[in-house]
Amino acid sequence: NAWVIVHSGVKSGQRVLDIGGASTPFSFHLADQGCRTTVLDNDWGNCGTIYNANHAAREMGWKLNAVDADAGRRFPFADASFDRVFSICTIEHMPSDVRRGMMREVGRVLAPGGIAGITFCYDPNHRVLTVDKGLRFGYRKKFMADVVEPSGLEIYGNPELIDFAEEPGFLGTIFLAKK
């Protein structure tokens, strides 16, 4: 989380979207730092994550609004609505077609000059995943097809995407920029 915040250049007052982060320390930190934070998450099973995020925001006086919506569908925001878009360990839980749709939406809602920070993991033993086992740079063709290409954004920072991790696991971060 700290790596993504530091290297994305997020600043107080920026319009920030966090995909999949309702009631997380990450979205609360962004709001506490003065970002106008919107969280898009799905309150699967009605467990209260959206309610809790909005309640915490009211109590703390943060500019944070959590929206109950499916990241696999069109986002309920206008084009170029956000200066920064984040998704922390969410995208690897989606099938490829849903990932691609989400990344198209990331590219659509990110403002020119904006940066998206996406973290993800790969675990061949992960029992929750039913479609694949996540993402990693070592499977470059799949990674590019599922994440970078649908977004229409450019890799920001090191474009080599080197995968040093041995099996079984991998944790990665990519930054994408909109010109």
N, C-alpha and C. Protein backbone atom coordinates (compact mmCIF):
# COMPACT_ATOMS: atom_id res chain seq x y z
N ASN A 1 0.82 -1.20 0.00
CA ASN A 1 0.00 0.00 0.00
C ASN A 1 0.86 1.26 0.00
N ALA A 2 1.87 1.28 0.86
CA ALA A 2 2.73 2.46 0.93
C ALA A 2 3.46 2.68 -0.39
N TRP A 3 3.93 1.61 -1.01
CA TRP A 3 4.63 1.69 -2.30
C TRP A 3 3.73 2.36 -3.35
N VAL A 4 2.49 1.95 -3.40
CA VAL A 4 1.55 2.49 -4.39
C VAL A 4 1.29 3.97 -4.12
N ILE A 5 1.08 4.33 -2.88
CA ILE A 5 0.80 5.73 -2.54
C ILE A 5 1.99 6.61 -2.88
N VAL A 6 3.20 6.20 -2.46
CA VAL A 6 4.39 7.01 -2.70
C VAL A 6 4.68 7.15 -4.19
N HIS A 7 4.62 6.06 -4.93
CA HIS A 7 5.02 6.10 -6.34
C HIS A 7 3.93 6.58 -7.29
N SER A 8 2.72 6.76 -6.81
CA SER A 8 1.67 7.29 -7.67
C SER A 8 1.62 8.81 -7.64
N GLY A 9 2.31 9.41 -6.69
CA GLY A 9 2.31 10.87 -6.58
C GLY A 9 0.98 11.44 -6.13
N VAL A 10 0.19 10.68 -5.39
CA VAL A 10 -1.11 11.15 -4.94
C VAL A 10 -0.91 12.33 -3.97
N LYS A 11 -1.80 13.33 -4.13
CA LYS A 11 -1.70 14.54 -3.30
C LYS A 11 -3.07 14.92 -2.77
N SER A 12 -3.05 15.64 -1.67
CA SER A 12 -4.27 16.17 -1.07
C SER A 12 -5.06 16.95 -2.12
N GLY A 13 -6.36 16.78 -2.11
CA GLY A 13 -7.24 17.49 -3.03
C GLY A 13 -7.51 16.76 -4.33
N GLN A 14 -6.71 15.76 -4.63
CA GLN A 14 -6.94 15.02 -5.87
C GLN A 14 -8.20 14.17 -5.77
N ARG A 15 -8.82 13.95 -6.94
CA ARG A 15 -9.98 13.07 -7.05
C ARG A 15 -9.45 11.66 -7.25
N VAL A 16 -9.76 10.78 -6.30
CA VAL A 16 -9.19 9.44 -6.28
C VAL A 16 -10.30 8.40 -6.28
N LEU A 17 -10.12 7.37 -7.10
CA LEU A 17 -11.03 6.22 -7.11
C LEU A 17 -10.26 5.02 -6.61
N ASP A 18 -10.84 4.31 -5.64
CA ASP A 18 -10.28 3.05 -5.14
C ASP A 18 -11.29 1.95 -5.49
N ILE A 19 -10.87 1.03 -6.33
CA ILE A 19 -11.74 -0.06 -6.76
C ILE A 19 -11.52 -1.26 -5.85
N GLY A 20 -12.58 -1.66 -5.17
CA GLY A 20 -12.53 -2.84 -4.32
C GLY A 20 -12.02 -2.59 -2.92
N GLY A 21 -11.98 -1.34 -2.47
CA GLY A 21 -11.36 -1.04 -1.18
C GLY A 21 -12.27 -0.45 -0.12
N ALA A 22 -13.54 -0.82 -0.11
CA ALA A 22 -14.43 -0.27 0.92
C ALA A 22 -13.98 -0.73 2.30
N SER A 23 -13.92 0.20 3.22
CA SER A 23 -13.56 -0.06 4.62
C SER A 23 -12.16 -0.63 4.77
N THR A 24 -11.23 -0.20 3.93
CA THR A 24 -9.85 -0.67 4.05
C THR A 24 -8.96 0.46 4.55
N PRO A 25 -7.84 0.12 5.18
CA PRO A 25 -6.89 1.16 5.59
C PRO A 25 -6.41 2.01 4.41
N PHE A 26 -6.33 1.41 3.22
CA PHE A 26 -5.86 2.14 2.05
C PHE A 26 -6.80 3.30 1.71
N SER A 27 -8.09 3.02 1.56
CA SER A 27 -9.03 4.10 1.21
C SER A 27 -9.16 5.10 2.35
N PHE A 28 -9.12 4.63 3.59
CA PHE A 28 -9.19 5.55 4.73
C PHE A 28 -7.96 6.45 4.78
N HIS A 29 -6.78 5.92 4.46
CA HIS A 29 -5.57 6.74 4.43
C HIS A 29 -5.67 7.83 3.37
N LEU A 30 -6.12 7.46 2.18
CA LEU A 30 -6.27 8.45 1.11
C LEU A 30 -7.20 9.58 1.56
N ALA A 31 -8.32 9.23 2.15
CA ALA A 31 -9.28 10.24 2.62
C ALA A 31 -8.67 11.08 3.73
N ASP A 32 -7.95 10.46 4.65
CA ASP A 32 -7.33 11.17 5.76
C ASP A 32 -6.26 12.14 5.28
N GLN A 33 -5.66 11.85 4.14
CA GLN A 33 -4.64 12.73 3.58
C GLN A 33 -5.23 13.87 2.76
N GLY A 34 -6.55 13.94 2.71
CA GLY A 34 -7.21 15.06 2.03
C GLY A 34 -7.63 14.80 0.60
N CYS A 35 -7.53 13.56 0.15
CA CYS A 35 -8.00 13.23 -1.20
C CYS A 35 -9.52 13.16 -1.19
N ARG A 36 -10.12 13.57 -2.29
CA ARG A 36 -11.56 13.39 -2.49
C ARG A 36 -11.73 11.96 -3.00
N THR A 37 -12.00 11.06 -2.08
CA THR A 37 -11.93 9.62 -2.33
C THR A 37 -13.30 9.03 -2.61
N THR A 38 -13.37 8.31 -3.71
CA THR A 38 -14.55 7.51 -4.04
C THR A 38 -14.11 6.06 -4.04
N VAL A 39 -14.90 5.22 -3.42
CA VAL A 39 -14.62 3.79 -3.40
C VAL A 39 -15.74 3.09 -4.15
N LEU A 40 -15.36 2.28 -5.12
CA LEU A 40 -16.31 1.45 -5.85
C LEU A 40 -16.06 0.02 -5.39
N ASP A 41 -17.04 -0.55 -4.75
CA ASP A 41 -16.91 -1.91 -4.24
C ASP A 41 -18.29 -2.54 -4.24
N ASN A 42 -18.32 -3.85 -4.19
CA ASN A 42 -19.59 -4.55 -4.12
C ASN A 42 -19.72 -5.15 -2.74
N ASP A 43 -20.79 -4.82 -2.07
CA ASP A 43 -21.02 -5.34 -0.73
C ASP A 43 -21.65 -6.72 -0.82
N TRP A 44 -20.84 -7.68 -1.33
CA TRP A 44 -21.30 -9.05 -1.50
C TRP A 44 -21.81 -9.57 -0.16
N GLY A 45 -22.96 -10.16 -0.17
CA GLY A 45 -23.52 -10.75 1.04
C GLY A 45 -24.00 -9.73 2.05
N ASN A 46 -24.07 -8.48 1.64
CA ASN A 46 -24.59 -7.43 2.51
C ASN A 46 -23.87 -7.42 3.87
N CYS A 47 -22.53 -7.47 3.83
CA CYS A 47 -21.77 -7.55 5.08
C CYS A 47 -21.44 -6.19 5.68
N GLY A 48 -21.83 -5.11 5.03
CA GLY A 48 -21.72 -3.79 5.64
C GLY A 48 -20.48 -2.99 5.31
N THR A 49 -19.66 -3.43 4.35
CA THR A 49 -18.43 -2.68 4.07
C THR A 49 -18.72 -1.29 3.50
N ILE A 50 -19.73 -1.17 2.67
CA ILE A 50 -20.09 0.14 2.09
C ILE A 50 -20.64 1.04 3.20
N TYR A 51 -21.57 0.52 3.96
CA TYR A 51 -22.14 1.30 5.07
C TYR A 51 -21.04 1.75 6.03
N ASN A 52 -20.16 0.83 6.41
CA ASN A 52 -19.09 1.16 7.34
C ASN A 52 -18.18 2.25 6.79
N ALA A 53 -17.80 2.15 5.52
CA ALA A 53 -16.93 3.17 4.91
C ALA A 53 -17.57 4.54 4.96
N ASN A 54 -18.84 4.61 4.59
CA ASN A 54 -19.53 5.91 4.59
C ASN A 54 -19.75 6.43 6.01
N HIS A 55 -20.02 5.54 6.94
CA HIS A 55 -20.17 5.94 8.35
C HIS A 55 -18.85 6.48 8.90
N ALA A 56 -17.75 5.77 8.65
CA ALA A 56 -16.43 6.23 9.10
C ALA A 56 -16.10 7.59 8.50
N ALA A 57 -16.43 7.78 7.22
CA ALA A 57 -16.16 9.06 6.56
C ALA A 57 -16.92 10.20 7.24
N ARG A 58 -18.18 9.97 7.55
CA ARG A 58 -18.97 11.00 8.24
C ARG A 58 -18.38 11.31 9.62
N GLU A 59 -18.05 10.28 10.36
CA GLU A 59 -17.50 10.46 11.71
C GLU A 59 -16.17 11.19 11.69
N MET A 60 -15.35 10.91 10.70
CA MET A 60 -14.01 11.50 10.62
C MET A 60 -13.98 12.82 9.84
N GLY A 61 -15.08 13.16 9.18
CA GLY A 61 -15.10 14.38 8.38
C GLY A 61 -14.32 14.27 7.08
N TRP A 62 -14.19 13.06 6.58
CA TRP A 62 -13.46 12.83 5.34
C TRP A 62 -14.35 13.05 4.13
N LYS A 63 -13.72 13.41 3.02
CA LYS A 63 -14.40 13.47 1.73
C LYS A 63 -14.25 12.10 1.07
N LEU A 64 -15.03 11.15 1.55
CA LEU A 64 -15.00 9.78 1.06
C LEU A 64 -16.43 9.34 0.84
N ASN A 65 -16.68 8.77 -0.33
CA ASN A 65 -18.00 8.23 -0.66
C ASN A 65 -17.82 6.82 -1.22
N ALA A 66 -18.38 5.84 -0.53
CA ALA A 66 -18.32 4.46 -1.00
C ALA A 66 -19.59 4.15 -1.76
N VAL A 67 -19.42 3.59 -2.95
CA VAL A 67 -20.53 3.29 -3.86
C VAL A 67 -20.60 1.77 -4.03
N ASP A 68 -21.78 1.22 -3.83
CA ASP A 68 -22.00 -0.22 -4.00
C ASP A 68 -22.27 -0.49 -5.48
N ALA A 69 -21.26 -0.99 -6.17
CA ALA A 69 -21.38 -1.27 -7.60
C ALA A 69 -20.40 -2.38 -7.96
N ASP A 70 -20.68 -3.06 -9.02
CA ASP A 70 -19.87 -4.18 -9.51
C ASP A 70 -18.76 -3.64 -10.41
N ALA A 71 -17.51 -3.90 -10.04
CA ALA A 71 -16.37 -3.43 -10.82
C ALA A 71 -16.30 -4.09 -12.20
N GLY A 72 -17.09 -5.12 -12.41
CA GLY A 72 -17.13 -5.79 -13.70
C GLY A 72 -18.11 -5.17 -14.68
N ARG A 73 -18.77 -4.11 -14.25
CA ARG A 73 -19.73 -3.42 -15.13
C ARG A 73 -19.29 -1.97 -15.34
N ARG A 74 -19.99 -1.27 -16.22
CA ARG A 74 -19.66 0.14 -16.46
C ARG A 74 -19.71 0.91 -15.14
N PHE A 75 -18.66 1.69 -14.88
CA PHE A 75 -18.60 2.47 -13.65
C PHE A 75 -19.61 3.62 -13.71
N PRO A 76 -20.23 3.95 -12.59
CA PRO A 76 -21.23 5.03 -12.58
C PRO A 76 -20.60 6.42 -12.45
N PHE A 77 -19.56 6.69 -13.26
CA PHE A 77 -18.86 7.97 -13.21
C PHE A 77 -18.63 8.47 -14.63
N ALA A 78 -18.55 9.77 -14.77
CA ALA A 78 -18.29 10.38 -16.07
C ALA A 78 -16.86 10.13 -16.52
N ASP A 79 -16.63 10.26 -17.81
CA ASP A 79 -15.28 10.17 -18.36
C ASP A 79 -14.37 11.17 -17.64
N ALA A 80 -13.10 10.79 -17.45
CA ALA A 80 -12.06 11.67 -16.89
C ALA A 80 -12.43 12.24 -15.51
N SER A 81 -13.09 11.45 -14.68
CA SER A 81 -13.55 11.90 -13.36
C SER A 81 -12.47 11.89 -12.27
N PHE A 82 -11.36 11.16 -12.48
CA PHE A 82 -10.41 10.95 -11.40
C PHE A 82 -8.97 11.24 -11.82
N ASP A 83 -8.21 11.80 -10.87
CA ASP A 83 -6.78 12.07 -11.08
C ASP A 83 -5.94 10.83 -10.83
N ARG A 84 -6.40 9.98 -9.93
CA ARG A 84 -5.73 8.73 -9.62
C ARG A 84 -6.79 7.65 -9.48
N VAL A 85 -6.44 6.45 -9.95
CA VAL A 85 -7.31 5.28 -9.79
C VAL A 85 -6.44 4.17 -9.21
N PHE A 86 -6.95 3.52 -8.18
CA PHE A 86 -6.23 2.43 -7.53
C PHE A 86 -7.10 1.19 -7.47
N SER A 87 -6.45 0.04 -7.52
CA SER A 87 -7.10 -1.24 -7.25
C SER A 87 -6.06 -2.09 -6.55
N ILE A 88 -6.30 -2.34 -5.27
CA ILE A 88 -5.34 -3.07 -4.44
C ILE A 88 -5.81 -4.51 -4.26
N CYS A 89 -5.07 -5.42 -4.89
CA CYS A 89 -5.33 -6.87 -4.77
C CYS A 89 -6.79 -7.22 -4.99
N THR A 90 -7.35 -6.72 -6.08
CA THR A 90 -8.73 -7.01 -6.45
C THR A 90 -8.80 -7.71 -7.80
N ILE A 91 -8.05 -7.23 -8.77
CA ILE A 91 -8.18 -7.65 -10.16
C ILE A 91 -7.87 -9.13 -10.38
N GLU A 92 -7.02 -9.70 -9.53
CA GLU A 92 -6.67 -11.11 -9.72
C GLU A 92 -7.80 -12.06 -9.36
N HIS A 93 -8.83 -11.54 -8.73
CA HIS A 93 -9.99 -12.37 -8.36
C HIS A 93 -11.07 -12.40 -9.43
N MET A 94 -10.78 -11.80 -10.57
CA MET A 94 -11.76 -11.70 -11.65
C MET A 94 -11.37 -12.57 -12.83
N PRO A 95 -12.35 -13.10 -13.55
CA PRO A 95 -12.02 -13.78 -14.81
C PRO A 95 -11.50 -12.77 -15.83
N SER A 96 -10.79 -13.24 -16.83
CA SER A 96 -10.15 -12.37 -17.82
C SER A 96 -11.11 -11.37 -18.45
N ASP A 97 -12.30 -11.80 -18.84
CA ASP A 97 -13.22 -10.87 -19.51
C ASP A 97 -13.66 -9.74 -18.56
N VAL A 98 -13.82 -10.05 -17.29
CA VAL A 98 -14.21 -9.03 -16.32
C VAL A 98 -13.05 -8.08 -16.06
N ARG A 99 -11.82 -8.63 -15.93
CA ARG A 99 -10.62 -7.80 -15.77
C ARG A 99 -10.52 -6.80 -16.92
N ARG A 100 -10.70 -7.30 -18.11
CA ARG A 100 -10.57 -6.43 -19.29
C ARG A 100 -11.61 -5.32 -19.27
N GLY A 101 -12.83 -5.66 -18.89
CA GLY A 101 -13.87 -4.64 -18.77
C GLY A 101 -13.53 -3.62 -17.71
N MET A 102 -13.05 -4.09 -16.57
CA MET A 102 -12.66 -3.16 -15.51
C MET A 102 -11.54 -2.24 -15.98
N MET A 103 -10.57 -2.78 -16.67
CA MET A 103 -9.46 -1.94 -17.12
C MET A 103 -9.89 -0.95 -18.20
N ARG A 104 -10.85 -1.30 -19.04
CA ARG A 104 -11.39 -0.32 -19.99
C ARG A 104 -12.02 0.84 -19.23
N GLU A 105 -12.74 0.51 -18.16
CA GLU A 105 -13.37 1.54 -17.33
C GLU A 105 -12.33 2.39 -16.60
N VAL A 106 -11.25 1.78 -16.15
CA VAL A 106 -10.17 2.54 -15.51
C VAL A 106 -9.64 3.59 -16.50
N GLY A 107 -9.38 3.17 -17.72
CA GLY A 107 -8.90 4.11 -18.73
C GLY A 107 -9.91 5.20 -19.05
N ARG A 108 -11.17 4.86 -19.02
CA ARG A 108 -12.22 5.84 -19.33
C ARG A 108 -12.36 6.89 -18.24
N VAL A 109 -12.34 6.48 -16.97
CA VAL A 109 -12.60 7.44 -15.88
C VAL A 109 -11.35 8.19 -15.43
N LEU A 110 -10.17 7.75 -15.86
CA LEU A 110 -8.93 8.44 -15.50
C LEU A 110 -8.77 9.70 -16.35
N ALA A 111 -8.48 10.81 -15.70
CA ALA A 111 -8.30 12.09 -16.40
C ALA A 111 -6.94 12.12 -17.11
N PRO A 112 -6.83 12.90 -18.19
CA PRO A 112 -5.52 13.08 -18.82
C PRO A 112 -4.49 13.57 -17.79
N GLY A 113 -3.31 12.97 -17.84
CA GLY A 113 -2.27 13.27 -16.87
C GLY A 113 -2.39 12.43 -15.60
N GLY A 114 -3.43 11.60 -15.52
CA GLY A 114 -3.67 10.78 -14.34
C GLY A 114 -2.86 9.50 -14.34
N ILE A 115 -2.79 8.90 -13.16
CA ILE A 115 -2.04 7.66 -12.97
C ILE A 115 -2.94 6.64 -12.28
N ALA A 116 -2.85 5.40 -12.75
CA ALA A 116 -3.53 4.28 -12.11
C ALA A 116 -2.48 3.38 -11.48
N GLY A 117 -2.72 2.95 -10.27
CA GLY A 117 -1.85 2.01 -9.57
C GLY A 117 -2.63 0.74 -9.27
N ILE A 118 -2.16 -0.38 -9.81
CA ILE A 118 -2.86 -1.66 -9.68
C ILE A 118 -1.92 -2.67 -9.03
N THR A 119 -2.38 -3.30 -7.95
CA THR A 119 -1.59 -4.40 -7.37
C THR A 119 -2.36 -5.71 -7.59
N PHE A 120 -1.61 -6.81 -7.61
CA PHE A 120 -2.21 -8.10 -7.92
C PHE A 120 -1.27 -9.19 -7.45
N CYS A 121 -1.80 -10.39 -7.36
CA CYS A 121 -0.96 -11.51 -6.97
C CYS A 121 -1.26 -12.74 -7.83
N TYR A 122 -0.39 -13.72 -7.69
CA TYR A 122 -0.55 -15.00 -8.35
C TYR A 122 -0.25 -16.07 -7.32
N ASP A 123 -1.12 -17.05 -7.20
CA ASP A 123 -0.92 -18.15 -6.27
C ASP A 123 -1.57 -19.40 -6.86
N PRO A 124 -0.78 -20.34 -7.34
CA PRO A 124 -1.36 -21.53 -7.97
C PRO A 124 -2.15 -22.41 -6.99
N ASN A 125 -1.99 -22.18 -5.71
CA ASN A 125 -2.71 -22.97 -4.71
C ASN A 125 -3.92 -22.23 -4.14
N HIS A 126 -4.21 -21.08 -4.68
CA HIS A 126 -5.31 -20.26 -4.15
C HIS A 126 -6.64 -20.96 -4.39
N ARG A 127 -7.35 -21.27 -3.33
CA ARG A 127 -8.59 -22.05 -3.45
C ARG A 127 -9.81 -21.19 -3.80
N VAL A 128 -9.71 -19.89 -3.62
CA VAL A 128 -10.85 -19.02 -3.89
C VAL A 128 -11.05 -18.82 -5.38
N LEU A 129 -9.95 -18.73 -6.10
CA LEU A 129 -10.03 -18.45 -7.53
C LEU A 129 -10.52 -19.68 -8.28
N THR A 130 -11.52 -19.47 -9.10
CA THR A 130 -12.08 -20.59 -9.86
C THR A 130 -11.73 -20.53 -11.34
N VAL A 131 -11.26 -19.38 -11.80
CA VAL A 131 -11.03 -19.22 -13.23
C VAL A 131 -9.57 -19.31 -13.60
N ASP A 132 -8.71 -18.74 -12.80
CA ASP A 132 -7.27 -18.88 -12.96
C ASP A 132 -6.65 -18.57 -11.61
N LYS A 133 -5.37 -18.45 -11.57
CA LYS A 133 -4.70 -18.28 -10.28
C LYS A 133 -4.12 -16.90 -10.09
N GLY A 134 -4.65 -15.91 -10.80
CA GLY A 134 -4.18 -14.54 -10.63
C GLY A 134 -3.36 -14.07 -11.81
N LEU A 135 -2.53 -13.09 -11.54
CA LEU A 135 -1.72 -12.47 -12.58
C LEU A 135 -0.27 -12.39 -12.13
N ARG A 136 0.63 -12.41 -13.11
CA ARG A 136 2.04 -12.17 -12.83
C ARG A 136 2.71 -11.70 -14.11
N PHE A 137 3.82 -10.96 -13.96
CA PHE A 137 4.52 -10.43 -15.12
C PHE A 137 5.11 -11.55 -15.98
N GLY A 138 5.43 -12.70 -15.38
CA GLY A 138 6.02 -13.80 -16.12
C GLY A 138 5.11 -14.35 -17.21
N TYR A 139 3.81 -14.12 -17.07
CA TYR A 139 2.85 -14.50 -18.11
C TYR A 139 2.47 -13.22 -18.86
N ARG A 140 3.48 -12.65 -19.50
CA ARG A 140 3.38 -11.31 -20.08
C ARG A 140 2.22 -11.16 -21.07
N LYS A 141 2.05 -12.12 -21.96
CA LYS A 141 1.00 -12.01 -22.98
C LYS A 141 -0.37 -11.89 -22.32
N LYS A 142 -0.65 -12.74 -21.34
CA LYS A 142 -1.92 -12.70 -20.63
C LYS A 142 -2.04 -11.39 -19.85
N PHE A 143 -0.97 -10.98 -19.17
CA PHE A 143 -0.99 -9.75 -18.38
C PHE A 143 -1.28 -8.54 -19.27
N MET A 144 -0.60 -8.45 -20.38
CA MET A 144 -0.82 -7.32 -21.29
C MET A 144 -2.25 -7.34 -21.83
N ALA A 145 -2.74 -8.52 -22.22
CA ALA A 145 -4.09 -8.63 -22.79
C ALA A 145 -5.18 -8.35 -21.75
N ASP A 146 -4.95 -8.70 -20.50
CA ASP A 146 -5.96 -8.52 -19.46
C ASP A 146 -5.92 -7.16 -18.79
N VAL A 147 -4.74 -6.51 -18.74
CA VAL A 147 -4.59 -5.30 -17.94
C VAL A 147 -4.22 -4.08 -18.78
N VAL A 148 -3.10 -4.13 -19.46
CA VAL A 148 -2.58 -2.92 -20.11
C VAL A 148 -3.37 -2.57 -21.37
N GLU A 149 -3.50 -3.50 -22.28
CA GLU A 149 -4.14 -3.19 -23.57
C GLU A 149 -5.57 -2.70 -23.44
N PRO A 150 -6.43 -3.34 -22.64
CA PRO A 150 -7.81 -2.85 -22.56
C PRO A 150 -7.93 -1.45 -21.95
N SER A 151 -6.97 -1.08 -21.11
CA SER A 151 -7.04 0.23 -20.45
C SER A 151 -6.80 1.38 -21.42
N GLY A 152 -6.04 1.12 -22.48
CA GLY A 152 -5.66 2.20 -23.39
C GLY A 152 -4.63 3.13 -22.78
N LEU A 153 -4.07 2.75 -21.64
CA LEU A 153 -3.09 3.57 -20.93
C LEU A 153 -1.68 3.09 -21.24
N GLU A 154 -0.69 3.89 -20.86
CA GLU A 154 0.71 3.53 -21.07
C GLU A 154 1.35 3.14 -19.76
N ILE A 155 2.28 2.19 -19.82
CA ILE A 155 3.02 1.82 -18.61
C ILE A 155 3.80 3.03 -18.15
N TYR A 156 3.70 3.32 -16.86
CA TYR A 156 4.37 4.46 -16.24
C TYR A 156 5.48 3.91 -15.35
N GLY A 157 6.70 4.35 -15.58
CA GLY A 157 7.83 3.81 -14.82
C GLY A 157 8.52 2.74 -15.64
N ASN A 158 9.01 1.73 -14.97
CA ASN A 158 9.78 0.67 -15.60
C ASN A 158 8.88 -0.22 -16.46
N PRO A 159 9.09 -0.22 -17.78
CA PRO A 159 8.24 -1.02 -18.67
C PRO A 159 8.68 -2.48 -18.81
N GLU A 160 9.78 -2.88 -18.16
CA GLU A 160 10.30 -4.23 -18.36
C GLU A 160 9.46 -5.31 -17.70
N LEU A 161 8.75 -4.99 -16.63
CA LEU A 161 7.86 -5.93 -15.96
C LEU A 161 8.54 -7.27 -15.69
N ILE A 162 9.64 -7.20 -14.97
CA ILE A 162 10.42 -8.39 -14.67
C ILE A 162 9.80 -9.14 -13.50
N ASP A 163 9.70 -10.44 -13.66
CA ASP A 163 9.09 -11.33 -12.67
C ASP A 163 10.21 -12.16 -12.04
N PHE A 164 10.65 -11.77 -10.84
CA PHE A 164 11.73 -12.48 -10.17
C PHE A 164 11.23 -13.60 -9.27
N ALA A 165 9.95 -13.68 -9.05
CA ALA A 165 9.42 -14.64 -8.08
C ALA A 165 9.43 -16.06 -8.63
N GLU A 166 9.79 -16.97 -7.78
CA GLU A 166 9.69 -18.38 -8.13
C GLU A 166 8.29 -18.84 -7.79
N GLU A 167 7.91 -20.00 -8.31
CA GLU A 167 6.63 -20.57 -7.89
C GLU A 167 6.74 -20.80 -6.39
N PRO A 168 5.72 -20.70 -5.61
CA PRO A 168 4.37 -20.67 -6.09
C PRO A 168 3.75 -19.28 -6.18
N GLY A 169 4.39 -18.22 -5.66
CA GLY A 169 3.65 -16.97 -5.55
C GLY A 169 4.31 -15.79 -6.21
N PHE A 170 3.53 -14.74 -6.35
CA PHE A 170 4.00 -13.49 -6.93
C PHE A 170 3.09 -12.38 -6.44
N LEU A 171 3.67 -11.22 -6.13
CA LEU A 171 2.92 -10.02 -5.80
C LEU A 171 3.50 -8.90 -6.65
N GLY A 172 2.65 -8.24 -7.42
CA GLY A 172 3.15 -7.21 -8.34
C GLY A 172 2.35 -5.93 -8.26
N THR A 173 2.97 -4.89 -8.79
CA THR A 173 2.34 -3.57 -8.90
C THR A 173 2.67 -3.00 -10.26
N ILE A 174 1.70 -2.38 -10.89
CA ILE A 174 1.96 -1.67 -12.14
C ILE A 174 1.31 -0.30 -12.05
N PHE A 175 1.99 0.66 -12.65
CA PHE A 175 1.45 2.01 -12.77
C PHE A 175 1.19 2.27 -14.25
N LEU A 176 0.04 2.84 -14.53
CA LEU A 176 -0.35 3.18 -15.90
C LEU A 176 -0.71 4.66 -15.93
N ALA A 177 -0.36 5.33 -17.02
CA ALA A 177 -0.60 6.77 -17.12
C ALA A 177 -1.45 7.08 -18.35
N LYS A 178 -2.23 8.15 -18.22
CA LYS A 178 -3.04 8.62 -19.34
C LYS A 178 -2.43 9.92 -19.83
N LYS A 179 -2.07 9.93 -21.10
CA LYS A 179 -1.47 11.14 -21.70
C LYS A 179 -2.51 12.21 -21.90
